[in-house]
Amino acid sequence: MRRAVSSTVTKVQGLDRNEKGTRVIYPEILKLHPLPTAQDRDAILRCIRECLDCSASCTACADACLSEDDLQELVRCIRLNLDCADFCDATARILLRQSMPDLRLVHAAIEACRAACLACGEECERHAAHLEHCRLCAEICRRCQQACDDLLAVLVE
C-alpha cells in the first residue's frame, strides 16, 4: 500500500509548507516511506536531528573562530569543526536513506561521526573558557556523540 504524499509545496515566510499550510519536514517524509526500516525509528530520527544540529553548529563555530584575534591558536579547532560538520552531514544523509541499507556502512558512518564529535568536542572544550561559541559547540558535539552511541546500541544486524 502506497502512502500519498502531497506534491504541492509552497514557500511561506521561508518555510516549505503543503497546501494545508503544514510545514513539510524530514521526520514526516521518513514515516511515509513505503518500506519502513525495522530499526528504532525514534533513535534514528534523534540521531539525524543531532547530526544536522551539530553540522550547522560546527560550521558556525569554525566561522566564528576565523574571526577571533588568536586565529593561530584555533587552527586545529577550525579543522576539527569542519571535519565534524562533514561527518555529521554525511551521517544524517545516510540515515535518512531507508531503502536497502548495508548496516555495516551505516554502523561505520555512525562510528566515524561519533569519533569526529568526540575529537571536535574535546578541542572546543579547550577554548570554552574564553570563547562562548566553542563552549556551545562542545556541548552540541557531546549531544550528537550521545545520540550516535544510543543508536549504535539499538541497531539490529
N, C-alpha and C. Protein backbone atom coordinates (compact mmCIF):
# COMPACT_ATOMS: atom_id res chain seq x y z
N MET A 1 0.83 -1.17 0.00
CA MET A 1 0.00 0.00 0.00
C MET A 1 0.89 1.25 0.00
N ARG A 2 0.71 2.09 -0.97
CA ARG A 2 1.48 3.32 -1.09
C ARG A 2 0.81 4.41 -0.27
N ARG A 3 1.62 5.21 0.35
CA ARG A 3 1.10 6.35 1.11
C ARG A 3 1.14 7.58 0.24
N ALA A 4 0.08 8.33 0.23
CA ALA A 4 0.01 9.54 -0.58
C ALA A 4 0.80 10.66 0.09
N VAL A 5 1.57 11.34 -0.71
CA VAL A 5 2.32 12.50 -0.25
C VAL A 5 1.92 13.67 -1.12
N SER A 6 1.57 14.76 -0.51
CA SER A 6 1.17 15.93 -1.27
C SER A 6 2.31 16.41 -2.14
N SER A 7 2.02 16.70 -3.38
CA SER A 7 3.05 17.19 -4.28
C SER A 7 3.05 18.72 -4.35
N THR A 8 2.09 19.35 -3.70
CA THR A 8 2.01 20.80 -3.72
C THR A 8 2.73 21.36 -2.50
N VAL A 9 3.87 21.97 -2.74
CA VAL A 9 4.65 22.58 -1.67
C VAL A 9 4.91 24.03 -2.06
N THR A 10 4.63 24.94 -1.15
CA THR A 10 4.84 26.36 -1.42
C THR A 10 5.75 26.96 -0.36
N LYS A 11 6.30 28.10 -0.67
CA LYS A 11 7.14 28.83 0.28
C LYS A 11 6.27 29.84 1.01
N VAL A 12 6.27 29.74 2.34
CA VAL A 12 5.57 30.69 3.17
C VAL A 12 6.55 31.17 4.22
N GLN A 13 6.89 32.42 4.17
CA GLN A 13 7.85 33.02 5.10
C GLN A 13 9.13 32.20 5.20
N GLY A 14 9.62 31.72 4.06
CA GLY A 14 10.88 30.99 4.03
C GLY A 14 10.77 29.52 4.40
N LEU A 15 9.58 29.03 4.78
CA LEU A 15 9.43 27.64 5.16
C LEU A 15 8.63 26.89 4.11
N ASP A 16 9.00 25.64 3.83
CA ASP A 16 8.23 24.82 2.92
C ASP A 16 6.95 24.37 3.62
N ARG A 17 5.81 24.57 2.95
CA ARG A 17 4.52 24.17 3.52
C ARG A 17 3.70 23.49 2.44
N ASN A 18 2.87 22.51 2.84
CA ASN A 18 1.98 21.87 1.88
C ASN A 18 0.73 22.70 1.72
N GLU A 19 -0.23 22.23 0.91
CA GLU A 19 -1.42 23.04 0.64
C GLU A 19 -2.28 23.27 1.88
N LYS A 20 -2.11 22.49 2.92
CA LYS A 20 -2.83 22.69 4.17
C LYS A 20 -2.13 23.70 5.08
N GLY A 21 -0.99 24.20 4.65
CA GLY A 21 -0.24 25.16 5.45
C GLY A 21 0.67 24.51 6.48
N THR A 22 0.76 23.19 6.46
CA THR A 22 1.59 22.46 7.40
C THR A 22 3.02 22.41 6.88
N ARG A 23 3.96 22.63 7.76
CA ARG A 23 5.36 22.57 7.37
C ARG A 23 5.74 21.14 7.04
N VAL A 24 6.43 20.94 5.92
CA VAL A 24 6.91 19.63 5.49
C VAL A 24 8.33 19.45 6.02
N ILE A 25 8.52 18.41 6.83
CA ILE A 25 9.83 18.17 7.42
C ILE A 25 10.21 16.70 7.27
N TYR A 26 11.50 16.43 7.37
CA TYR A 26 12.01 15.09 7.10
C TYR A 26 11.42 13.98 7.97
N PRO A 27 11.10 14.18 9.26
CA PRO A 27 10.52 13.05 10.00
C PRO A 27 9.20 12.57 9.40
N GLU A 28 8.41 13.49 8.90
CA GLU A 28 7.15 13.11 8.28
C GLU A 28 7.39 12.31 7.01
N ILE A 29 8.32 12.76 6.22
CA ILE A 29 8.65 12.06 4.97
C ILE A 29 9.20 10.68 5.28
N LEU A 30 10.07 10.60 6.28
CA LEU A 30 10.65 9.32 6.68
C LEU A 30 9.55 8.33 7.10
N LYS A 31 8.56 8.82 7.83
CA LYS A 31 7.46 7.97 8.29
C LYS A 31 6.58 7.49 7.15
N LEU A 32 6.59 8.20 6.02
CA LEU A 32 5.79 7.83 4.86
C LEU A 32 6.49 6.85 3.93
N HIS A 33 7.71 6.46 4.26
CA HIS A 33 8.47 5.55 3.39
C HIS A 33 7.69 4.27 3.17
N PRO A 34 7.56 3.82 1.92
CA PRO A 34 6.77 2.62 1.64
C PRO A 34 7.36 1.33 2.24
N LEU A 35 8.66 1.32 2.49
CA LEU A 35 9.31 0.17 3.12
C LEU A 35 10.06 0.66 4.36
N PRO A 36 9.34 0.92 5.43
CA PRO A 36 9.99 1.49 6.62
C PRO A 36 11.04 0.54 7.20
N THR A 37 12.02 1.13 7.81
CA THR A 37 13.10 0.36 8.42
C THR A 37 12.60 -0.45 9.61
N ALA A 38 13.29 -1.53 9.88
CA ALA A 38 12.98 -2.34 11.06
C ALA A 38 13.75 -1.81 12.28
N GLN A 39 14.60 -0.82 12.05
CA GLN A 39 15.39 -0.23 13.13
C GLN A 39 14.52 0.70 13.98
N ASP A 40 15.04 1.11 15.11
CA ASP A 40 14.35 2.01 16.03
C ASP A 40 14.24 3.40 15.39
N ARG A 41 13.06 3.73 14.88
CA ARG A 41 12.86 4.98 14.15
C ARG A 41 13.12 6.20 15.04
N ASP A 42 12.71 6.15 16.30
CA ASP A 42 12.93 7.30 17.19
C ASP A 42 14.41 7.57 17.40
N ALA A 43 15.20 6.50 17.57
CA ALA A 43 16.64 6.66 17.75
C ALA A 43 17.28 7.19 16.47
N ILE A 44 16.80 6.73 15.32
CA ILE A 44 17.31 7.22 14.04
C ILE A 44 16.99 8.70 13.88
N LEU A 45 15.75 9.08 14.14
CA LEU A 45 15.35 10.48 13.99
C LEU A 45 16.11 11.38 14.96
N ARG A 46 16.33 10.92 16.18
CA ARG A 46 17.10 11.72 17.14
C ARG A 46 18.53 11.91 16.65
N CYS A 47 19.12 10.83 16.13
CA CYS A 47 20.50 10.92 15.64
C CYS A 47 20.57 11.86 14.43
N ILE A 48 19.61 11.76 13.53
CA ILE A 48 19.59 12.67 12.37
C ILE A 48 19.49 14.11 12.85
N ARG A 49 18.57 14.38 13.76
CA ARG A 49 18.37 15.75 14.27
C ARG A 49 19.65 16.28 14.92
N GLU A 50 20.29 15.45 15.75
CA GLU A 50 21.52 15.88 16.42
C GLU A 50 22.66 16.06 15.42
N CYS A 51 22.74 15.19 14.42
CA CYS A 51 23.78 15.34 13.40
C CYS A 51 23.61 16.63 12.61
N LEU A 52 22.37 16.95 12.23
CA LEU A 52 22.12 18.18 11.48
C LEU A 52 22.43 19.40 12.33
N ASP A 53 22.04 19.36 13.58
CA ASP A 53 22.32 20.47 14.50
C ASP A 53 23.82 20.62 14.71
N CYS A 54 24.50 19.51 14.89
CA CYS A 54 25.95 19.55 15.11
C CYS A 54 26.69 20.05 13.87
N SER A 55 26.25 19.61 12.70
CA SER A 55 26.88 20.06 11.46
C SER A 55 26.79 21.57 11.32
N ALA A 56 25.60 22.12 11.53
CA ALA A 56 25.41 23.56 11.42
C ALA A 56 26.20 24.30 12.50
N SER A 57 26.18 23.76 13.71
CA SER A 57 26.88 24.41 14.83
C SER A 57 28.39 24.40 14.64
N CYS A 58 28.93 23.30 14.16
CA CYS A 58 30.38 23.21 13.93
C CYS A 58 30.80 24.15 12.80
N THR A 59 29.97 24.26 11.77
CA THR A 59 30.28 25.18 10.68
C THR A 59 30.28 26.62 11.20
N ALA A 60 29.28 26.96 12.01
CA ALA A 60 29.20 28.31 12.58
C ALA A 60 30.36 28.57 13.54
N CYS A 61 30.74 27.58 14.31
CA CYS A 61 31.86 27.73 15.25
C CYS A 61 33.17 27.96 14.48
N ALA A 62 33.38 27.19 13.42
CA ALA A 62 34.59 27.38 12.61
C ALA A 62 34.63 28.79 12.04
N ASP A 63 33.50 29.26 11.57
CA ASP A 63 33.43 30.61 11.02
C ASP A 63 33.73 31.65 12.09
N ALA A 64 33.17 31.46 13.29
CA ALA A 64 33.43 32.38 14.39
C ALA A 64 34.91 32.36 14.77
N CYS A 65 35.50 31.17 14.80
CA CYS A 65 36.93 31.05 15.12
C CYS A 65 37.79 31.82 14.13
N LEU A 66 37.39 31.82 12.87
CA LEU A 66 38.15 32.55 11.85
C LEU A 66 38.20 34.04 12.10
N SER A 67 37.26 34.55 12.87
CA SER A 67 37.22 35.98 13.17
C SER A 67 37.83 36.34 14.52
N GLU A 68 38.33 35.37 15.24
CA GLU A 68 38.93 35.63 16.54
C GLU A 68 40.35 36.18 16.38
N ASP A 69 40.79 36.95 17.37
CA ASP A 69 42.12 37.54 17.34
C ASP A 69 43.24 36.49 17.41
N ASP A 70 43.01 35.41 18.14
CA ASP A 70 44.03 34.37 18.31
C ASP A 70 43.86 33.24 17.30
N LEU A 71 43.71 33.60 16.05
CA LEU A 71 43.44 32.65 14.97
C LEU A 71 44.44 31.50 14.92
N GLN A 72 45.71 31.79 15.11
CA GLN A 72 46.74 30.73 15.06
C GLN A 72 46.50 29.66 16.11
N GLU A 73 45.97 30.05 17.25
CA GLU A 73 45.69 29.08 18.32
C GLU A 73 44.44 28.25 18.01
N LEU A 74 43.69 28.63 17.00
CA LEU A 74 42.41 27.98 16.71
C LEU A 74 42.43 27.15 15.43
N VAL A 75 43.57 27.00 14.81
CA VAL A 75 43.65 26.27 13.54
C VAL A 75 43.14 24.83 13.70
N ARG A 76 43.60 24.13 14.74
CA ARG A 76 43.15 22.75 14.96
C ARG A 76 41.65 22.71 15.25
N CYS A 77 41.16 23.67 16.00
CA CYS A 77 39.74 23.74 16.31
C CYS A 77 38.91 23.92 15.03
N ILE A 78 39.37 24.82 14.18
CA ILE A 78 38.67 25.07 12.91
C ILE A 78 38.66 23.79 12.07
N ARG A 79 39.82 23.15 11.97
CA ARG A 79 39.92 21.91 11.19
C ARG A 79 38.95 20.86 11.71
N LEU A 80 38.94 20.64 13.03
CA LEU A 80 38.06 19.63 13.61
C LEU A 80 36.59 20.04 13.50
N ASN A 81 36.29 21.33 13.60
CA ASN A 81 34.92 21.80 13.38
C ASN A 81 34.46 21.41 11.98
N LEU A 82 35.28 21.68 10.99
CA LEU A 82 34.89 21.40 9.61
C LEU A 82 34.81 19.90 9.34
N ASP A 83 35.75 19.13 9.90
CA ASP A 83 35.68 17.67 9.75
C ASP A 83 34.41 17.13 10.40
N CYS A 84 34.12 17.58 11.60
CA CYS A 84 32.94 17.12 12.32
C CYS A 84 31.67 17.48 11.55
N ALA A 85 31.61 18.69 11.03
CA ALA A 85 30.44 19.11 10.25
C ALA A 85 30.23 18.18 9.06
N ASP A 86 31.31 17.84 8.37
CA ASP A 86 31.20 16.95 7.21
C ASP A 86 30.74 15.55 7.60
N PHE A 87 31.33 15.00 8.68
CA PHE A 87 30.91 13.67 9.13
C PHE A 87 29.45 13.66 9.57
N CYS A 88 29.05 14.68 10.30
CA CYS A 88 27.66 14.76 10.77
C CYS A 88 26.69 14.88 9.62
N ASP A 89 27.03 15.72 8.65
CA ASP A 89 26.17 15.90 7.49
C ASP A 89 26.04 14.59 6.70
N ALA A 90 27.15 13.94 6.45
CA ALA A 90 27.12 12.67 5.71
C ALA A 90 26.34 11.60 6.48
N THR A 91 26.52 11.54 7.78
CA THR A 91 25.82 10.54 8.58
C THR A 91 24.32 10.79 8.56
N ALA A 92 23.90 12.03 8.68
CA ALA A 92 22.47 12.35 8.61
C ALA A 92 21.89 11.90 7.27
N ARG A 93 22.61 12.19 6.19
CA ARG A 93 22.10 11.79 4.86
C ARG A 93 22.02 10.28 4.73
N ILE A 94 23.00 9.57 5.24
CA ILE A 94 22.99 8.10 5.18
C ILE A 94 21.82 7.55 5.98
N LEU A 95 21.57 8.12 7.15
CA LEU A 95 20.48 7.64 8.00
C LEU A 95 19.11 7.97 7.40
N LEU A 96 19.02 9.02 6.64
CA LEU A 96 17.75 9.36 6.00
C LEU A 96 17.37 8.38 4.90
N ARG A 97 18.35 7.71 4.32
CA ARG A 97 18.07 6.76 3.25
C ARG A 97 17.67 5.42 3.87
N GLN A 98 16.43 5.02 3.66
CA GLN A 98 15.90 3.81 4.28
C GLN A 98 15.91 2.59 3.37
N SER A 99 16.02 2.78 2.07
CA SER A 99 15.93 1.68 1.12
C SER A 99 17.17 0.81 1.13
N MET A 100 17.01 -0.44 1.50
CA MET A 100 18.04 -1.47 1.43
C MET A 100 19.40 -1.04 1.97
N PRO A 101 19.49 -0.60 3.20
CA PRO A 101 20.79 -0.16 3.74
C PRO A 101 21.72 -1.35 3.99
N ASP A 102 23.00 -1.11 3.84
CA ASP A 102 24.01 -2.07 4.27
C ASP A 102 24.38 -1.62 5.68
N LEU A 103 23.97 -2.39 6.67
CA LEU A 103 24.15 -1.97 8.07
C LEU A 103 25.61 -1.85 8.47
N ARG A 104 26.51 -2.52 7.76
CA ARG A 104 27.93 -2.34 8.04
C ARG A 104 28.35 -0.91 7.73
N LEU A 105 27.85 -0.37 6.61
CA LEU A 105 28.18 1.00 6.24
C LEU A 105 27.49 2.00 7.16
N VAL A 106 26.25 1.73 7.53
CA VAL A 106 25.53 2.60 8.46
C VAL A 106 26.29 2.64 9.78
N HIS A 107 26.67 1.49 10.27
CA HIS A 107 27.42 1.39 11.53
C HIS A 107 28.74 2.16 11.44
N ALA A 108 29.46 1.99 10.33
CA ALA A 108 30.75 2.67 10.15
C ALA A 108 30.56 4.19 10.10
N ALA A 109 29.51 4.64 9.44
CA ALA A 109 29.25 6.09 9.36
C ALA A 109 28.95 6.65 10.74
N ILE A 110 28.14 5.95 11.52
CA ILE A 110 27.80 6.43 12.86
C ILE A 110 29.04 6.43 13.75
N GLU A 111 29.87 5.39 13.65
CA GLU A 111 31.12 5.34 14.42
C GLU A 111 32.04 6.50 14.06
N ALA A 112 32.15 6.78 12.76
CA ALA A 112 33.01 7.89 12.32
C ALA A 112 32.47 9.22 12.81
N CYS A 113 31.16 9.38 12.76
CA CYS A 113 30.54 10.61 13.26
C CYS A 113 30.80 10.76 14.76
N ARG A 114 30.64 9.67 15.48
CA ARG A 114 30.88 9.67 16.92
C ARG A 114 32.32 10.10 17.23
N ALA A 115 33.28 9.55 16.49
CA ALA A 115 34.69 9.87 16.69
C ALA A 115 34.96 11.34 16.37
N ALA A 116 34.35 11.85 15.30
CA ALA A 116 34.53 13.25 14.93
C ALA A 116 33.95 14.17 16.00
N CYS A 117 32.78 13.81 16.53
CA CYS A 117 32.17 14.61 17.60
C CYS A 117 33.01 14.60 18.86
N LEU A 118 33.59 13.45 19.18
CA LEU A 118 34.46 13.35 20.35
C LEU A 118 35.68 14.26 20.19
N ALA A 119 36.36 14.16 19.06
CA ALA A 119 37.56 14.97 18.82
C ALA A 119 37.23 16.46 18.80
N CYS A 120 36.19 16.83 18.09
CA CYS A 120 35.81 18.24 17.99
C CYS A 120 35.36 18.78 19.34
N GLY A 121 34.57 18.00 20.04
CA GLY A 121 34.09 18.43 21.36
C GLY A 121 35.24 18.65 22.33
N GLU A 122 36.21 17.75 22.31
CA GLU A 122 37.37 17.91 23.20
C GLU A 122 38.17 19.16 22.85
N GLU A 123 38.37 19.40 21.55
CA GLU A 123 39.13 20.58 21.14
C GLU A 123 38.38 21.85 21.47
N CYS A 124 37.09 21.88 21.20
CA CYS A 124 36.29 23.08 21.52
C CYS A 124 36.29 23.33 23.03
N GLU A 125 36.28 22.27 23.80
CA GLU A 125 36.29 22.41 25.27
C GLU A 125 37.57 23.12 25.74
N ARG A 126 38.68 22.93 25.03
CA ARG A 126 39.93 23.60 25.38
C ARG A 126 39.81 25.12 25.29
N HIS A 127 38.89 25.61 24.45
CA HIS A 127 38.73 27.04 24.24
C HIS A 127 37.47 27.59 24.89
N ALA A 128 36.73 26.72 25.55
CA ALA A 128 35.41 27.09 26.08
C ALA A 128 35.45 28.19 27.13
N ALA A 129 36.52 28.26 27.89
CA ALA A 129 36.59 29.26 28.97
C ALA A 129 36.61 30.69 28.43
N HIS A 130 37.15 30.86 27.22
CA HIS A 130 37.25 32.22 26.70
C HIS A 130 36.46 32.45 25.40
N LEU A 131 35.89 31.38 24.83
CA LEU A 131 35.10 31.52 23.61
C LEU A 131 33.75 30.81 23.79
N GLU A 132 32.71 31.59 23.93
CA GLU A 132 31.37 31.04 24.16
C GLU A 132 30.91 30.14 23.01
N HIS A 133 31.27 30.50 21.77
CA HIS A 133 30.85 29.66 20.65
C HIS A 133 31.49 28.28 20.73
N CYS A 134 32.71 28.20 21.24
CA CYS A 134 33.36 26.90 21.42
C CYS A 134 32.70 26.11 22.55
N ARG A 135 32.30 26.79 23.61
CA ARG A 135 31.62 26.12 24.71
C ARG A 135 30.31 25.49 24.22
N LEU A 136 29.54 26.26 23.47
CA LEU A 136 28.28 25.75 22.94
C LEU A 136 28.50 24.62 21.94
N CYS A 137 29.50 24.77 21.10
CA CYS A 137 29.80 23.74 20.11
C CYS A 137 30.21 22.44 20.79
N ALA A 138 31.03 22.53 21.84
CA ALA A 138 31.43 21.33 22.58
C ALA A 138 30.21 20.62 23.15
N GLU A 139 29.27 21.39 23.66
CA GLU A 139 28.04 20.83 24.22
C GLU A 139 27.22 20.11 23.14
N ILE A 140 27.11 20.73 21.99
CA ILE A 140 26.35 20.13 20.89
C ILE A 140 27.05 18.88 20.37
N CYS A 141 28.38 18.91 20.31
CA CYS A 141 29.13 17.71 19.89
C CYS A 141 28.89 16.56 20.85
N ARG A 142 28.86 16.84 22.15
CA ARG A 142 28.59 15.78 23.14
C ARG A 142 27.19 15.20 22.96
N ARG A 143 26.22 16.07 22.66
CA ARG A 143 24.85 15.59 22.42
C ARG A 143 24.79 14.68 21.20
N CYS A 144 25.47 15.08 20.15
CA CYS A 144 25.48 14.27 18.93
C CYS A 144 26.21 12.95 19.17
N GLN A 145 27.31 13.01 19.87
CA GLN A 145 28.05 11.79 20.21
C GLN A 145 27.15 10.84 20.99
N GLN A 146 26.38 11.36 21.94
CA GLN A 146 25.47 10.52 22.72
C GLN A 146 24.37 9.92 21.85
N ALA A 147 23.85 10.71 20.92
CA ALA A 147 22.82 10.20 20.01
C ALA A 147 23.39 9.08 19.14
N CYS A 148 24.64 9.22 18.71
CA CYS A 148 25.30 8.16 17.94
C CYS A 148 25.47 6.91 18.80
N ASP A 149 25.93 7.09 20.04
CA ASP A 149 26.08 5.95 20.95
C ASP A 149 24.74 5.25 21.17
N ASP A 150 23.68 6.03 21.37
CA ASP A 150 22.37 5.46 21.61
C ASP A 150 21.87 4.68 20.40
N LEU A 151 22.11 5.21 19.21
CA LEU A 151 21.68 4.49 18.00
C LEU A 151 22.50 3.24 17.79
N LEU A 152 23.81 3.32 18.01
CA LEU A 152 24.66 2.13 17.87
C LEU A 152 24.20 1.02 18.80
N ALA A 153 23.71 1.38 19.98
CA ALA A 153 23.27 0.40 20.97
C ALA A 153 22.01 -0.35 20.54
N VAL A 154 21.21 0.24 19.67
CA VAL A 154 19.94 -0.41 19.30
C VAL A 154 19.91 -0.90 17.84
N LEU A 155 20.98 -0.66 17.08
CA LEU A 155 20.99 -1.15 15.69
C LEU A 155 20.94 -2.67 15.67
N VAL A 156 20.05 -3.18 14.85
CA VAL A 156 19.89 -4.64 14.73
C VAL A 156 20.47 -5.06 13.39
N GLU A 157 21.39 -6.00 13.45
CA GLU A 157 22.01 -6.51 12.20
C GLU A 157 21.08 -7.42 11.46
